[in-house]
Amino acid sequence: MYRALLALALPVCLALSGCTSTGSSAESALSLDTTTTGAISPLSADSEIMSDEIVIRDMVGGLSQDELTDPQPWSNALTGSAGVISNFTTLTDGAQTCRLFQTTRHGFDGVALMNGRVCRRPDGGWDLVSLDRAAS
């Protein structure tokens, strides 16, 4: 009987010993490991909005004339923000072409309606001239 009890108890004790702390007290078992294996700096609110501005600028500037008739969804995987660009108006002043638009922006800081303007540069690229919250 003693042998059977020992045969059952030994594996249980060995299995449970693997779950114990290597520290010498309960306090060491509950302490936090402060080892840092890597760090990612969070974006500031300003850098998130700047990143969204680039996505919006590229989206509006990259649309064909036919695509300007329909609302266009946008999203920024870097910030998690998204929205829909609509109400496009194309203005030509001499050699410069600009596009006025409205967009929603759904971000960590809430939902906003914004008015924007992008203008074509002589090299064919686009500049975001303005992107401001619409008056409530």
N, C-alpha and C. Protein backbone atom coordinates (compact mmCIF):
# COMPACT_ATOMS: atom_id res chain seq x y z
N MET A 1 0.81 -1.18 0.00
CA MET A 1 0.00 0.00 0.00
C MET A 1 0.87 1.26 0.00
N TYR A 2 1.90 1.25 0.83
CA TYR A 2 2.81 2.37 0.90
C TYR A 2 3.47 2.62 -0.44
N ARG A 3 3.86 1.55 -1.15
CA ARG A 3 4.49 1.67 -2.47
C ARG A 3 3.52 2.28 -3.49
N ALA A 4 2.28 1.88 -3.47
CA ALA A 4 1.29 2.40 -4.41
C ALA A 4 1.05 3.89 -4.17
N LEU A 5 0.99 4.28 -2.91
CA LEU A 5 0.81 5.69 -2.57
C LEU A 5 2.00 6.52 -3.01
N LEU A 6 3.21 5.99 -2.78
CA LEU A 6 4.43 6.68 -3.21
C LEU A 6 4.50 6.78 -4.73
N ALA A 7 4.08 5.74 -5.43
CA ALA A 7 4.09 5.74 -6.90
C ALA A 7 3.14 6.79 -7.46
N LEU A 8 2.05 7.05 -6.79
CA LEU A 8 1.11 8.09 -7.23
C LEU A 8 1.57 9.48 -6.83
N ALA A 9 2.14 9.62 -5.66
CA ALA A 9 2.53 10.93 -5.14
C ALA A 9 3.75 11.49 -5.83
N LEU A 10 4.70 10.66 -6.20
CA LEU A 10 5.94 11.13 -6.81
C LEU A 10 5.70 11.88 -8.12
N PRO A 11 4.94 11.34 -9.07
CA PRO A 11 4.70 12.10 -10.31
C PRO A 11 3.95 13.41 -10.07
N VAL A 12 3.03 13.41 -9.12
CA VAL A 12 2.28 14.63 -8.82
C VAL A 12 3.22 15.70 -8.27
N CYS A 13 4.10 15.32 -7.37
CA CYS A 13 5.06 16.27 -6.80
C CYS A 13 6.00 16.81 -7.87
N LEU A 14 6.47 15.96 -8.76
CA LEU A 14 7.38 16.41 -9.81
C LEU A 14 6.67 17.36 -10.78
N ALA A 15 5.43 17.06 -11.11
CA ALA A 15 4.69 17.92 -12.03
C ALA A 15 4.43 19.29 -11.41
N LEU A 16 4.08 19.30 -10.14
CA LEU A 16 3.79 20.57 -9.48
C LEU A 16 5.05 21.40 -9.23
N SER A 17 6.17 20.77 -9.10
CA SER A 17 7.40 21.53 -8.85
C SER A 17 7.79 22.39 -10.03
N GLY A 18 7.37 22.04 -11.23
CA GLY A 18 7.67 22.85 -12.41
C GLY A 18 6.88 24.14 -12.44
N CYS A 19 5.85 24.28 -11.65
CA CYS A 19 5.00 25.47 -11.64
C CYS A 19 5.36 26.45 -10.55
N THR A 20 6.37 26.16 -9.79
CA THR A 20 6.71 27.05 -8.69
C THR A 20 7.67 28.13 -9.14
N SER A 21 7.73 29.19 -8.40
CA SER A 21 8.60 30.31 -8.70
C SER A 21 10.05 29.97 -8.36
N THR A 22 10.96 30.57 -9.09
CA THR A 22 12.37 30.37 -8.78
C THR A 22 12.82 31.30 -7.68
N GLY A 23 11.95 32.27 -7.31
CA GLY A 23 12.29 33.20 -6.23
C GLY A 23 12.15 32.51 -4.88
N SER A 24 12.64 33.18 -3.87
CA SER A 24 12.64 32.58 -2.55
C SER A 24 11.44 32.97 -1.71
N SER A 25 10.54 33.82 -2.24
CA SER A 25 9.40 34.23 -1.44
C SER A 25 8.18 34.47 -2.33
N ALA A 26 7.05 34.59 -1.67
CA ALA A 26 5.82 34.89 -2.40
C ALA A 26 5.91 36.25 -3.06
N GLU A 27 6.61 37.18 -2.43
CA GLU A 27 6.76 38.53 -2.98
C GLU A 27 7.51 38.49 -4.31
N SER A 28 8.55 37.68 -4.41
CA SER A 28 9.29 37.61 -5.67
C SER A 28 8.47 36.95 -6.76
N ALA A 29 7.57 36.05 -6.40
CA ALA A 29 6.71 35.41 -7.39
C ALA A 29 5.70 36.39 -7.96
N LEU A 30 5.31 37.40 -7.19
CA LEU A 30 4.31 38.36 -7.64
C LEU A 30 4.90 39.64 -8.23
N SER A 31 6.21 39.78 -8.24
CA SER A 31 6.82 41.01 -8.74
C SER A 31 6.76 41.07 -10.26
N LEU A 32 6.80 42.27 -10.79
CA LEU A 32 6.75 42.49 -12.23
C LEU A 32 8.13 42.36 -12.84
N ASP A 33 8.16 41.77 -14.02
CA ASP A 33 9.41 41.68 -14.77
C ASP A 33 9.56 43.01 -15.52
N THR A 34 10.60 43.75 -15.24
CA THR A 34 10.79 45.07 -15.86
C THR A 34 11.68 45.01 -17.10
N THR A 35 12.00 43.83 -17.57
CA THR A 35 12.82 43.69 -18.76
C THR A 35 12.08 44.25 -19.97
N THR A 36 12.73 45.08 -20.74
CA THR A 36 12.15 45.65 -21.95
C THR A 36 12.79 44.97 -23.15
N THR A 37 11.96 44.38 -23.99
CA THR A 37 12.50 43.71 -25.17
C THR A 37 12.38 44.57 -26.42
N GLY A 38 11.58 45.57 -26.39
CA GLY A 38 11.44 46.47 -27.53
C GLY A 38 10.48 47.58 -27.15
N ALA A 39 10.58 48.67 -27.83
CA ALA A 39 9.69 49.79 -27.52
C ALA A 39 9.24 50.44 -28.82
N ILE A 40 7.97 50.79 -28.88
CA ILE A 40 7.42 51.48 -30.02
C ILE A 40 6.86 52.80 -29.51
N SER A 41 7.34 53.87 -30.05
CA SER A 41 6.87 55.18 -29.62
C SER A 41 5.49 55.44 -30.20
N PRO A 42 4.54 55.84 -29.38
CA PRO A 42 3.21 56.14 -29.91
C PRO A 42 3.25 57.42 -30.72
N LEU A 43 2.37 57.49 -31.72
CA LEU A 43 2.26 58.70 -32.51
C LEU A 43 1.60 59.79 -31.68
N SER A 44 2.00 61.01 -31.87
CA SER A 44 1.30 62.11 -31.22
C SER A 44 0.05 62.40 -32.03
N ALA A 45 -0.88 63.11 -31.44
CA ALA A 45 -2.11 63.47 -32.16
C ALA A 45 -1.78 64.26 -33.41
N ASP A 46 -0.78 65.16 -33.33
CA ASP A 46 -0.40 65.96 -34.50
C ASP A 46 0.16 65.08 -35.61
N SER A 47 1.00 64.11 -35.27
CA SER A 47 1.57 63.26 -36.31
C SER A 47 0.52 62.35 -36.92
N GLU A 48 -0.49 61.95 -36.13
CA GLU A 48 -1.57 61.14 -36.69
C GLU A 48 -2.36 61.96 -37.71
N ILE A 49 -2.68 63.20 -37.37
CA ILE A 49 -3.43 64.04 -38.30
C ILE A 49 -2.59 64.31 -39.54
N MET A 50 -1.28 64.54 -39.37
CA MET A 50 -0.41 64.76 -40.53
C MET A 50 -0.41 63.53 -41.43
N SER A 51 -0.35 62.35 -40.83
CA SER A 51 -0.38 61.12 -41.60
C SER A 51 -1.70 60.99 -42.36
N ASP A 52 -2.81 61.32 -41.71
CA ASP A 52 -4.11 61.29 -42.38
C ASP A 52 -4.16 62.30 -43.52
N GLU A 53 -3.57 63.46 -43.32
CA GLU A 53 -3.54 64.48 -44.38
C GLU A 53 -2.84 63.96 -45.62
N ILE A 54 -1.77 63.22 -45.45
CA ILE A 54 -1.04 62.67 -46.59
C ILE A 54 -1.90 61.66 -47.34
N VAL A 55 -2.60 60.80 -46.60
CA VAL A 55 -3.47 59.81 -47.23
C VAL A 55 -4.59 60.51 -48.00
N ILE A 56 -5.20 61.52 -47.39
CA ILE A 56 -6.29 62.25 -48.04
C ILE A 56 -5.78 62.98 -49.28
N ARG A 57 -4.63 63.65 -49.15
CA ARG A 57 -4.05 64.36 -50.30
C ARG A 57 -3.80 63.40 -51.46
N ASP A 58 -3.18 62.27 -51.17
CA ASP A 58 -2.87 61.30 -52.23
C ASP A 58 -4.13 60.73 -52.86
N MET A 59 -5.16 60.51 -52.03
CA MET A 59 -6.42 59.98 -52.54
C MET A 59 -7.09 60.98 -53.48
N VAL A 60 -7.25 62.22 -53.02
CA VAL A 60 -7.93 63.24 -53.84
C VAL A 60 -7.12 63.53 -55.10
N GLY A 61 -5.81 63.66 -54.98
CA GLY A 61 -4.98 63.95 -56.15
C GLY A 61 -4.93 62.81 -57.14
N GLY A 62 -5.10 61.58 -56.66
CA GLY A 62 -5.00 60.42 -57.55
C GLY A 62 -6.29 60.03 -58.24
N LEU A 63 -7.38 60.71 -57.94
CA LEU A 63 -8.66 60.36 -58.55
C LEU A 63 -8.74 60.87 -59.99
N SER A 64 -9.35 60.07 -60.85
CA SER A 64 -9.59 60.52 -62.22
C SER A 64 -10.80 61.46 -62.21
N GLN A 65 -11.00 62.18 -63.28
CA GLN A 65 -12.13 63.11 -63.38
C GLN A 65 -13.45 62.37 -63.20
N ASP A 66 -13.55 61.15 -63.72
CA ASP A 66 -14.79 60.36 -63.59
C ASP A 66 -15.05 59.96 -62.13
N GLU A 67 -14.00 59.71 -61.36
CA GLU A 67 -14.16 59.29 -59.97
C GLU A 67 -14.58 60.43 -59.05
N LEU A 68 -14.47 61.66 -59.51
CA LEU A 68 -14.84 62.81 -58.69
C LEU A 68 -16.35 62.97 -58.52
N THR A 69 -17.13 62.17 -59.23
CA THR A 69 -18.58 62.28 -59.12
C THR A 69 -19.15 61.45 -57.96
N ASP A 70 -18.38 60.48 -57.45
CA ASP A 70 -18.85 59.60 -56.39
C ASP A 70 -18.06 59.79 -55.11
N PRO A 71 -18.71 59.62 -53.95
CA PRO A 71 -17.97 59.64 -52.68
C PRO A 71 -16.90 58.55 -52.68
N GLN A 72 -15.75 58.87 -52.12
CA GLN A 72 -14.62 57.94 -52.12
C GLN A 72 -14.16 57.64 -50.69
N PRO A 73 -14.20 56.38 -50.27
CA PRO A 73 -13.74 56.05 -48.92
C PRO A 73 -12.21 56.08 -48.84
N TRP A 74 -11.70 56.46 -47.68
CA TRP A 74 -10.26 56.42 -47.43
C TRP A 74 -10.02 55.82 -46.06
N SER A 75 -8.84 55.27 -45.87
CA SER A 75 -8.46 54.76 -44.55
C SER A 75 -6.95 54.83 -44.42
N ASN A 76 -6.50 54.94 -43.19
CA ASN A 76 -5.08 55.02 -42.89
C ASN A 76 -4.75 53.90 -41.92
N ALA A 77 -4.06 52.87 -42.40
CA ALA A 77 -3.73 51.72 -41.56
C ALA A 77 -2.79 52.11 -40.42
N LEU A 78 -2.00 53.15 -40.61
CA LEU A 78 -1.06 53.57 -39.58
C LEU A 78 -1.77 54.15 -38.36
N THR A 79 -2.81 54.94 -38.59
CA THR A 79 -3.50 55.60 -37.48
C THR A 79 -4.83 54.96 -37.12
N GLY A 80 -5.38 54.16 -38.01
CA GLY A 80 -6.70 53.58 -37.78
C GLY A 80 -7.83 54.52 -38.15
N SER A 81 -7.51 55.70 -38.65
CA SER A 81 -8.53 56.67 -39.05
C SER A 81 -9.10 56.29 -40.41
N ALA A 82 -10.32 56.75 -40.66
CA ALA A 82 -10.97 56.48 -41.94
C ALA A 82 -12.03 57.56 -42.17
N GLY A 83 -12.54 57.60 -43.38
CA GLY A 83 -13.59 58.55 -43.70
C GLY A 83 -14.05 58.39 -45.13
N VAL A 84 -14.89 59.33 -45.55
CA VAL A 84 -15.40 59.35 -46.91
C VAL A 84 -15.22 60.75 -47.46
N ILE A 85 -14.60 60.84 -48.63
CA ILE A 85 -14.37 62.12 -49.31
C ILE A 85 -15.49 62.32 -50.33
N SER A 86 -16.06 63.53 -50.35
CA SER A 86 -17.18 63.80 -51.26
C SER A 86 -17.22 65.28 -51.61
N ASN A 87 -18.27 65.66 -52.35
CA ASN A 87 -18.52 67.05 -52.74
C ASN A 87 -17.32 67.69 -53.43
N PHE A 88 -16.82 67.01 -54.44
CA PHE A 88 -15.64 67.50 -55.17
C PHE A 88 -16.02 68.66 -56.08
N THR A 89 -15.18 69.65 -56.13
CA THR A 89 -15.29 70.77 -57.06
C THR A 89 -13.90 71.02 -57.63
N THR A 90 -13.80 71.08 -58.95
CA THR A 90 -12.51 71.35 -59.59
C THR A 90 -12.49 72.81 -60.02
N LEU A 91 -11.43 73.52 -59.64
CA LEU A 91 -11.23 74.91 -60.02
C LEU A 91 -9.95 75.03 -60.82
N THR A 92 -10.00 75.82 -61.88
CA THR A 92 -8.79 76.08 -62.65
C THR A 92 -8.56 77.58 -62.68
N ASP A 93 -7.38 77.98 -62.22
CA ASP A 93 -7.00 79.40 -62.19
C ASP A 93 -5.71 79.52 -62.98
N GLY A 94 -5.85 79.89 -64.24
CA GLY A 94 -4.67 79.94 -65.11
C GLY A 94 -4.15 78.53 -65.34
N ALA A 95 -2.89 78.30 -64.98
CA ALA A 95 -2.28 76.99 -65.18
C ALA A 95 -2.47 76.07 -63.98
N GLN A 96 -3.01 76.59 -62.88
CA GLN A 96 -3.14 75.78 -61.67
C GLN A 96 -4.54 75.19 -61.53
N THR A 97 -4.59 73.89 -61.26
CA THR A 97 -5.83 73.19 -61.02
C THR A 97 -5.90 72.81 -59.55
N CYS A 98 -7.04 73.09 -58.94
CA CYS A 98 -7.25 72.73 -57.54
C CYS A 98 -8.54 71.94 -57.42
N ARG A 99 -8.60 71.11 -56.39
CA ARG A 99 -9.80 70.35 -56.08
C ARG A 99 -10.23 70.68 -54.66
N LEU A 100 -11.48 71.15 -54.54
CA LEU A 100 -12.09 71.37 -53.23
C LEU A 100 -12.90 70.13 -52.90
N PHE A 101 -12.99 69.79 -51.62
CA PHE A 101 -13.70 68.58 -51.22
C PHE A 101 -14.10 68.68 -49.75
N GLN A 102 -14.95 67.77 -49.34
CA GLN A 102 -15.27 67.56 -47.93
C GLN A 102 -14.92 66.13 -47.60
N THR A 103 -14.53 65.90 -46.36
CA THR A 103 -14.29 64.53 -45.91
C THR A 103 -14.70 64.38 -44.45
N THR A 104 -15.12 63.20 -44.13
CA THR A 104 -15.29 62.86 -42.73
C THR A 104 -13.97 62.26 -42.26
N ARG A 105 -13.72 62.36 -40.97
CA ARG A 105 -12.54 61.72 -40.39
C ARG A 105 -12.98 61.07 -39.09
N HIS A 106 -12.95 59.74 -39.09
CA HIS A 106 -13.29 58.96 -37.91
C HIS A 106 -11.98 58.50 -37.30
N GLY A 107 -11.62 59.05 -36.14
CA GLY A 107 -10.35 58.72 -35.51
C GLY A 107 -10.53 58.46 -34.03
N PHE A 108 -9.43 58.24 -33.35
CA PHE A 108 -9.48 57.98 -31.92
C PHE A 108 -10.06 59.16 -31.15
N ASP A 109 -10.00 60.34 -31.73
CA ASP A 109 -10.48 61.55 -31.05
C ASP A 109 -11.90 61.92 -31.44
N GLY A 110 -12.58 61.07 -32.19
CA GLY A 110 -13.98 61.32 -32.54
C GLY A 110 -14.18 61.43 -34.04
N VAL A 111 -15.33 61.96 -34.41
CA VAL A 111 -15.70 62.11 -35.82
C VAL A 111 -15.74 63.60 -36.14
N ALA A 112 -15.19 63.94 -37.30
CA ALA A 112 -15.17 65.34 -37.71
C ALA A 112 -15.52 65.45 -39.20
N LEU A 113 -16.14 66.54 -39.57
CA LEU A 113 -16.36 66.89 -40.96
C LEU A 113 -15.35 67.97 -41.31
N MET A 114 -14.64 67.78 -42.42
CA MET A 114 -13.56 68.70 -42.77
C MET A 114 -13.71 69.16 -44.21
N ASN A 115 -13.29 70.39 -44.46
CA ASN A 115 -13.22 70.95 -45.81
C ASN A 115 -11.76 71.01 -46.21
N GLY A 116 -11.47 70.62 -47.46
CA GLY A 116 -10.09 70.61 -47.90
C GLY A 116 -9.90 71.14 -49.30
N ARG A 117 -8.63 71.36 -49.61
CA ARG A 117 -8.25 71.86 -50.94
C ARG A 117 -6.87 71.30 -51.27
N VAL A 118 -6.77 70.66 -52.43
CA VAL A 118 -5.48 70.22 -52.96
C VAL A 118 -5.26 70.92 -54.30
N CYS A 119 -4.01 71.27 -54.58
CA CYS A 119 -3.69 71.94 -55.84
C CYS A 119 -2.52 71.22 -56.50
N ARG A 120 -2.59 71.14 -57.84
CA ARG A 120 -1.55 70.46 -58.61
C ARG A 120 -0.32 71.35 -58.74
N ARG A 121 0.83 70.75 -58.51
CA ARG A 121 2.12 71.43 -58.69
C ARG A 121 2.54 71.35 -60.16
N PRO A 122 3.47 72.20 -60.59
CA PRO A 122 3.95 72.13 -61.97
C PRO A 122 4.56 70.76 -62.33
N ASP A 123 5.11 70.05 -61.32
CA ASP A 123 5.71 68.74 -61.61
C ASP A 123 4.68 67.61 -61.68
N GLY A 124 3.38 67.94 -61.50
CA GLY A 124 2.32 66.94 -61.59
C GLY A 124 1.86 66.39 -60.26
N GLY A 125 2.60 66.61 -59.20
CA GLY A 125 2.18 66.17 -57.87
C GLY A 125 1.11 67.08 -57.31
N TRP A 126 0.63 66.74 -56.14
CA TRP A 126 -0.42 67.52 -55.50
C TRP A 126 0.03 67.99 -54.14
N ASP A 127 -0.37 69.20 -53.76
CA ASP A 127 -0.13 69.74 -52.42
C ASP A 127 -1.46 69.91 -51.71
N LEU A 128 -1.49 69.55 -50.45
CA LEU A 128 -2.66 69.83 -49.62
C LEU A 128 -2.52 71.26 -49.13
N VAL A 129 -3.37 72.13 -49.63
CA VAL A 129 -3.30 73.55 -49.30
C VAL A 129 -4.04 73.82 -48.00
N SER A 130 -5.17 73.15 -47.80
CA SER A 130 -5.92 73.34 -46.54
C SER A 130 -6.73 72.10 -46.24
N LEU A 131 -6.91 71.85 -44.94
CA LEU A 131 -7.80 70.80 -44.44
C LEU A 131 -8.21 71.25 -43.06
N ASP A 132 -9.42 71.80 -42.96
CA ASP A 132 -9.90 72.39 -41.73
C ASP A 132 -11.25 71.83 -41.35
N ARG A 133 -11.50 71.80 -40.03
CA ARG A 133 -12.84 71.37 -39.58
C ARG A 133 -13.90 72.31 -40.13
N ALA A 134 -14.98 71.71 -40.59
CA ALA A 134 -16.11 72.49 -41.11
C ALA A 134 -16.80 73.17 -39.93
N ALA A 135 -17.33 74.35 -40.17
CA ALA A 135 -18.07 75.07 -39.12
C ALA A 135 -19.32 74.27 -38.77
N SER A 136 -19.60 74.20 -37.48
CA SER A 136 -20.77 73.42 -37.01
C SER A 136 -22.05 74.17 -37.23
